[in-house]
N, C-alpha and C. Protein backbone atom coordinates (compact mmCIF):
# COMPACT_ATOMS: atom_id res chain seq x y z
N MET A 1 -3.14 -1.25 10.53
CA MET A 1 -3.29 -0.12 9.64
C MET A 1 -2.83 -0.46 8.23
N VAL A 2 -1.88 -1.37 8.10
CA VAL A 2 -1.36 -1.73 6.78
C VAL A 2 -2.47 -2.25 5.88
N SER A 3 -3.29 -3.16 6.40
CA SER A 3 -4.34 -3.73 5.56
C SER A 3 -5.38 -2.67 5.19
N LYS A 4 -5.60 -1.67 6.04
CA LYS A 4 -6.53 -0.59 5.70
C LYS A 4 -6.00 0.23 4.53
N VAL A 5 -4.71 0.49 4.53
CA VAL A 5 -4.10 1.24 3.42
C VAL A 5 -4.25 0.44 2.13
N ILE A 6 -3.93 -0.85 2.18
CA ILE A 6 -4.00 -1.69 0.98
C ILE A 6 -5.44 -1.80 0.49
N PHE A 7 -6.38 -2.01 1.41
CA PHE A 7 -7.77 -2.16 1.00
C PHE A 7 -8.30 -0.85 0.41
N SER A 8 -7.92 0.29 0.97
CA SER A 8 -8.39 1.55 0.39
C SER A 8 -7.78 1.77 -1.00
N GLY A 9 -6.56 1.28 -1.21
CA GLY A 9 -5.96 1.33 -2.55
C GLY A 9 -6.74 0.46 -3.53
N PHE A 10 -7.16 -0.70 -3.07
CA PHE A 10 -7.96 -1.59 -3.91
C PHE A 10 -9.29 -0.92 -4.26
N ARG A 11 -9.91 -0.29 -3.26
CA ARG A 11 -11.20 0.38 -3.48
C ARG A 11 -11.05 1.60 -4.38
N ALA A 12 -9.88 2.25 -4.36
CA ALA A 12 -9.66 3.43 -5.20
C ALA A 12 -9.66 3.06 -6.69
N GLY A 13 -9.34 1.82 -6.98
CA GLY A 13 -9.32 1.34 -8.37
C GLY A 13 -7.94 1.43 -8.97
N SER A 14 -7.68 0.63 -9.94
CA SER A 14 -6.44 0.52 -10.71
C SER A 14 -5.20 0.20 -9.86
N LEU A 15 -5.41 -0.41 -8.66
CA LEU A 15 -4.27 -0.86 -7.86
C LEU A 15 -3.59 -2.00 -8.59
N HIS A 16 -2.29 -1.89 -8.77
CA HIS A 16 -1.54 -2.93 -9.47
C HIS A 16 -0.85 -3.87 -8.49
N SER A 17 -0.21 -3.30 -7.46
CA SER A 17 0.53 -4.13 -6.51
C SER A 17 0.77 -3.34 -5.22
N PHE A 18 1.22 -4.06 -4.20
CA PHE A 18 1.58 -3.40 -2.94
C PHE A 18 2.77 -4.10 -2.33
N LEU A 19 3.49 -3.38 -1.48
CA LEU A 19 4.56 -3.98 -0.69
C LEU A 19 4.72 -3.17 0.58
N VAL A 20 5.23 -3.81 1.61
CA VAL A 20 5.54 -3.16 2.88
C VAL A 20 7.05 -3.21 3.03
N ARG A 21 7.65 -2.05 3.27
CA ARG A 21 9.11 -1.99 3.37
C ARG A 21 9.55 -1.00 4.44
N ARG A 22 10.83 -1.06 4.78
CA ARG A 22 11.41 -0.11 5.73
C ARG A 22 11.59 1.24 5.05
N SER A 23 11.56 2.29 5.87
CA SER A 23 11.81 3.64 5.36
C SER A 23 12.50 4.45 6.44
N SER A 24 13.59 5.09 6.09
CA SER A 24 14.30 5.92 7.07
C SER A 24 13.59 7.25 7.29
N ARG A 25 12.75 7.67 6.34
CA ARG A 25 12.06 8.95 6.46
C ARG A 25 10.75 8.87 7.24
N ALA A 26 10.13 7.70 7.29
CA ALA A 26 8.86 7.55 8.01
C ALA A 26 9.15 7.48 9.51
N LYS A 27 8.32 8.16 10.29
CA LYS A 27 8.50 8.18 11.74
C LYS A 27 8.44 6.77 12.32
N SER A 28 7.55 5.94 11.77
CA SER A 28 7.40 4.56 12.25
C SER A 28 8.49 3.64 11.72
N GLY A 29 9.19 4.09 10.67
CA GLY A 29 10.22 3.27 10.06
C GLY A 29 9.70 2.31 9.00
N MET A 30 8.40 2.38 8.71
CA MET A 30 7.78 1.47 7.73
C MET A 30 6.85 2.25 6.81
N VAL A 31 6.77 1.81 5.56
CA VAL A 31 5.80 2.36 4.62
C VAL A 31 5.13 1.22 3.87
N CYS A 32 3.93 1.48 3.42
CA CYS A 32 3.22 0.58 2.52
C CYS A 32 3.19 1.28 1.17
N VAL A 33 3.77 0.65 0.16
CA VAL A 33 3.83 1.24 -1.18
C VAL A 33 2.74 0.59 -2.02
N CYS A 34 1.81 1.42 -2.50
CA CYS A 34 0.75 0.96 -3.39
C CYS A 34 1.04 1.51 -4.77
N SER A 35 1.07 0.64 -5.78
CA SER A 35 1.35 1.05 -7.15
C SER A 35 0.07 0.99 -7.96
N PHE A 36 -0.19 2.07 -8.70
CA PHE A 36 -1.41 2.20 -9.49
C PHE A 36 -1.08 2.33 -10.96
N ARG A 37 -2.02 1.94 -11.82
CA ARG A 37 -1.87 2.12 -13.26
C ARG A 37 -2.30 3.52 -13.68
N SER A 38 -3.15 4.17 -12.89
CA SER A 38 -3.70 5.48 -13.23
C SER A 38 -3.12 6.57 -12.32
N HIS A 39 -2.60 7.63 -12.92
CA HIS A 39 -2.06 8.74 -12.13
C HIS A 39 -3.17 9.42 -11.33
N GLY A 40 -4.33 9.60 -11.91
CA GLY A 40 -5.44 10.26 -11.22
C GLY A 40 -5.87 9.51 -9.97
N ARG A 41 -5.96 8.20 -10.06
CA ARG A 41 -6.35 7.40 -8.90
C ARG A 41 -5.26 7.41 -7.84
N ALA A 42 -4.00 7.37 -8.29
CA ALA A 42 -2.88 7.43 -7.35
C ALA A 42 -2.86 8.77 -6.62
N ALA A 43 -3.12 9.86 -7.33
CA ALA A 43 -3.12 11.19 -6.72
C ALA A 43 -4.26 11.32 -5.71
N ARG A 44 -5.43 10.79 -6.05
CA ARG A 44 -6.56 10.85 -5.12
C ARG A 44 -6.27 10.02 -3.86
N PHE A 45 -5.68 8.86 -4.05
CA PHE A 45 -5.29 7.99 -2.93
C PHE A 45 -4.27 8.71 -2.04
N ALA A 46 -3.28 9.37 -2.66
CA ALA A 46 -2.24 10.09 -1.90
C ALA A 46 -2.86 11.24 -1.10
N ARG A 47 -3.79 11.99 -1.68
CA ARG A 47 -4.45 13.08 -0.95
C ARG A 47 -5.22 12.54 0.24
N LEU A 48 -5.94 11.43 0.04
CA LEU A 48 -6.72 10.84 1.12
C LEU A 48 -5.83 10.45 2.29
N TRP A 49 -4.73 9.75 2.01
CA TRP A 49 -3.87 9.28 3.09
C TRP A 49 -3.01 10.39 3.68
N ALA A 50 -2.68 11.41 2.91
CA ALA A 50 -1.95 12.55 3.47
C ALA A 50 -2.80 13.23 4.54
N SER A 51 -4.09 13.36 4.28
CA SER A 51 -4.96 13.98 5.28
C SER A 51 -5.15 13.08 6.50
N ARG A 52 -5.14 11.77 6.29
CA ARG A 52 -5.33 10.83 7.41
C ARG A 52 -4.10 10.73 8.31
N VAL A 53 -2.92 10.67 7.72
CA VAL A 53 -1.71 10.48 8.53
C VAL A 53 -1.04 11.80 8.90
N GLY A 54 -1.45 12.89 8.27
CA GLY A 54 -0.93 14.20 8.64
C GLY A 54 0.46 14.52 8.14
N VAL A 55 0.92 13.80 7.14
CA VAL A 55 2.22 14.10 6.51
C VAL A 55 2.05 14.11 5.00
N SER A 56 3.00 14.69 4.31
CA SER A 56 2.96 14.73 2.86
C SER A 56 3.13 13.32 2.29
N VAL A 57 2.29 12.97 1.35
CA VAL A 57 2.37 11.66 0.68
C VAL A 57 2.43 11.95 -0.82
N ALA A 58 3.54 11.59 -1.46
CA ALA A 58 3.76 11.94 -2.86
C ALA A 58 3.49 10.76 -3.80
N VAL A 59 3.21 11.11 -5.05
CA VAL A 59 3.07 10.12 -6.12
C VAL A 59 4.37 10.14 -6.92
N ARG A 60 4.98 8.96 -7.09
CA ARG A 60 6.20 8.84 -7.88
C ARG A 60 5.94 7.91 -9.06
N ARG A 61 6.52 8.24 -10.18
CA ARG A 61 6.40 7.38 -11.36
C ARG A 61 7.48 6.30 -11.30
N GLN A 62 7.06 5.05 -11.51
CA GLN A 62 8.00 3.92 -11.57
C GLN A 62 7.66 3.12 -12.82
N GLY A 63 8.35 3.42 -13.90
CA GLY A 63 8.03 2.78 -15.17
C GLY A 63 6.66 3.22 -15.63
N SER A 64 5.77 2.27 -15.87
CA SER A 64 4.42 2.60 -16.31
C SER A 64 3.44 2.74 -15.14
N LEU A 65 3.95 2.61 -13.91
CA LEU A 65 3.09 2.67 -12.72
C LEU A 65 3.34 3.95 -11.93
N PHE A 66 2.40 4.26 -11.03
CA PHE A 66 2.50 5.41 -10.15
C PHE A 66 2.44 4.91 -8.72
N ALA A 67 3.53 5.11 -7.97
CA ALA A 67 3.66 4.56 -6.62
C ALA A 67 3.40 5.62 -5.56
N VAL A 68 2.68 5.20 -4.52
CA VAL A 68 2.39 6.06 -3.37
C VAL A 68 2.87 5.33 -2.13
N SER A 69 3.76 5.97 -1.35
CA SER A 69 4.27 5.38 -0.12
C SER A 69 3.57 6.03 1.07
N VAL A 70 2.87 5.23 1.85
CA VAL A 70 2.13 5.72 3.01
C VAL A 70 2.81 5.21 4.28
N PRO A 71 3.17 6.11 5.20
CA PRO A 71 3.75 5.65 6.48
C PRO A 71 2.73 4.80 7.25
N VAL A 72 3.17 3.67 7.76
CA VAL A 72 2.27 2.77 8.48
C VAL A 72 2.94 2.27 9.76
N THR A 73 2.13 1.72 10.63
CA THR A 73 2.64 1.06 11.83
C THR A 73 2.11 -0.37 11.82
N LEU A 74 2.88 -1.26 12.41
CA LEU A 74 2.45 -2.65 12.54
C LEU A 74 2.03 -2.87 13.99
N ARG A 75 0.99 -3.66 14.18
CA ARG A 75 0.53 -3.95 15.54
C ARG A 75 1.50 -4.86 16.27
N SER A 76 2.19 -5.69 15.55
CA SER A 76 3.12 -6.65 16.13
C SER A 76 4.54 -6.11 15.97
N SER A 77 5.43 -6.52 16.84
CA SER A 77 6.83 -6.10 16.70
C SER A 77 7.53 -6.89 15.60
N ARG A 78 6.94 -8.02 15.20
CA ARG A 78 7.52 -8.81 14.10
C ARG A 78 7.05 -8.27 12.76
N HIS A 79 7.89 -8.40 11.77
CA HIS A 79 7.48 -8.03 10.42
C HIS A 79 6.58 -9.13 9.87
N PRO A 80 5.61 -8.78 9.02
CA PRO A 80 4.79 -9.82 8.41
C PRO A 80 5.63 -10.71 7.51
N ARG A 81 5.11 -11.91 7.21
CA ARG A 81 5.82 -12.86 6.33
C ARG A 81 6.28 -12.21 5.04
N GLY A 82 5.41 -11.41 4.46
CA GLY A 82 5.69 -10.84 3.14
C GLY A 82 6.42 -9.53 3.15
N PHE A 83 7.07 -9.19 4.27
CA PHE A 83 7.77 -7.92 4.38
C PHE A 83 8.82 -7.80 3.29
N GLY A 84 8.75 -6.72 2.50
CA GLY A 84 9.73 -6.48 1.45
C GLY A 84 9.42 -7.14 0.12
N PHE A 85 8.38 -7.95 0.04
CA PHE A 85 8.00 -8.59 -1.22
C PHE A 85 6.85 -7.83 -1.86
N CYS A 86 6.87 -7.77 -3.17
CA CYS A 86 5.82 -7.08 -3.92
C CYS A 86 4.72 -8.08 -4.26
N TYR A 87 3.47 -7.72 -3.96
CA TYR A 87 2.33 -8.60 -4.24
C TYR A 87 1.46 -8.00 -5.32
N PRO A 88 1.44 -8.60 -6.52
CA PRO A 88 0.56 -8.09 -7.57
C PRO A 88 -0.89 -8.43 -7.26
N VAL A 89 -1.78 -7.48 -7.46
CA VAL A 89 -3.21 -7.72 -7.22
C VAL A 89 -4.05 -7.35 -8.42
N SER A 90 -3.42 -6.88 -9.48
CA SER A 90 -4.14 -6.44 -10.66
C SER A 90 -4.91 -7.60 -11.29
N GLY A 91 -6.20 -7.39 -11.49
CA GLY A 91 -7.03 -8.38 -12.16
C GLY A 91 -7.42 -9.58 -11.31
N LEU A 92 -7.15 -9.56 -10.02
CA LEU A 92 -7.45 -10.72 -9.17
C LEU A 92 -8.88 -10.73 -8.65
N GLY A 93 -9.52 -9.59 -8.59
CA GLY A 93 -10.85 -9.52 -7.99
C GLY A 93 -10.74 -9.53 -6.47
N VAL A 94 -11.88 -9.49 -5.82
CA VAL A 94 -11.91 -9.37 -4.36
C VAL A 94 -11.30 -10.59 -3.68
N ARG A 95 -11.65 -11.80 -4.11
CA ARG A 95 -11.09 -13.01 -3.48
C ARG A 95 -9.58 -13.08 -3.65
N GLY A 96 -9.11 -12.78 -4.84
CA GLY A 96 -7.67 -12.79 -5.09
C GLY A 96 -6.94 -11.74 -4.30
N PHE A 97 -7.59 -10.58 -4.15
CA PHE A 97 -7.00 -9.50 -3.36
C PHE A 97 -6.81 -9.96 -1.92
N PHE A 98 -7.85 -10.54 -1.31
CA PHE A 98 -7.74 -10.98 0.08
C PHE A 98 -6.76 -12.15 0.22
N ALA A 99 -6.63 -12.96 -0.81
CA ALA A 99 -5.64 -14.03 -0.79
C ALA A 99 -4.22 -13.44 -0.77
N ALA A 100 -4.00 -12.37 -1.55
CA ALA A 100 -2.68 -11.72 -1.58
C ALA A 100 -2.37 -11.07 -0.23
N VAL A 101 -3.37 -10.44 0.37
CA VAL A 101 -3.17 -9.83 1.69
C VAL A 101 -2.83 -10.91 2.72
N GLY A 102 -3.53 -12.04 2.66
CA GLY A 102 -3.26 -13.15 3.57
C GLY A 102 -1.89 -13.75 3.33
N ALA A 103 -1.48 -13.86 2.05
CA ALA A 103 -0.17 -14.41 1.74
C ALA A 103 0.95 -13.51 2.26
N ALA A 104 0.66 -12.22 2.36
CA ALA A 104 1.65 -11.27 2.88
C ALA A 104 1.75 -11.34 4.40
N GLY A 105 0.87 -12.12 5.02
CA GLY A 105 0.89 -12.24 6.48
C GLY A 105 0.19 -11.10 7.17
N LEU A 106 -0.69 -10.40 6.44
CA LEU A 106 -1.42 -9.28 7.00
C LEU A 106 -2.86 -9.69 7.26
N ARG A 107 -3.43 -9.15 8.29
CA ARG A 107 -4.84 -9.41 8.57
C ARG A 107 -5.70 -8.53 7.70
N SER A 108 -6.81 -9.05 7.21
CA SER A 108 -7.72 -8.24 6.42
C SER A 108 -8.47 -7.28 7.32
N CYS A 109 -9.03 -6.25 6.72
CA CYS A 109 -9.72 -5.17 7.45
C CYS A 109 -10.94 -5.69 8.17
């Protein structure tokens, strides 16, 4: 599910970076944080995933970016290689995006 969240963020446009981290508030204990340059795109992404996961998903401002944390589950009990690291994807294009997802130890969609 993590790669689906990241890929939908990429498709939404203006995705700057993503990271997977622990969260005490998420039922699964994990969230995928997607950071956007555009508030409008971040808000649309948050609405989409709030309806999919059935919980409130908020947009937070972090400097010049807008972050959306989506609760996710991992198929494996192990954390991916890139757990807790931020992966910039801005300006990479499709190949660069999939390279970043692979570097994070996540399977592509």
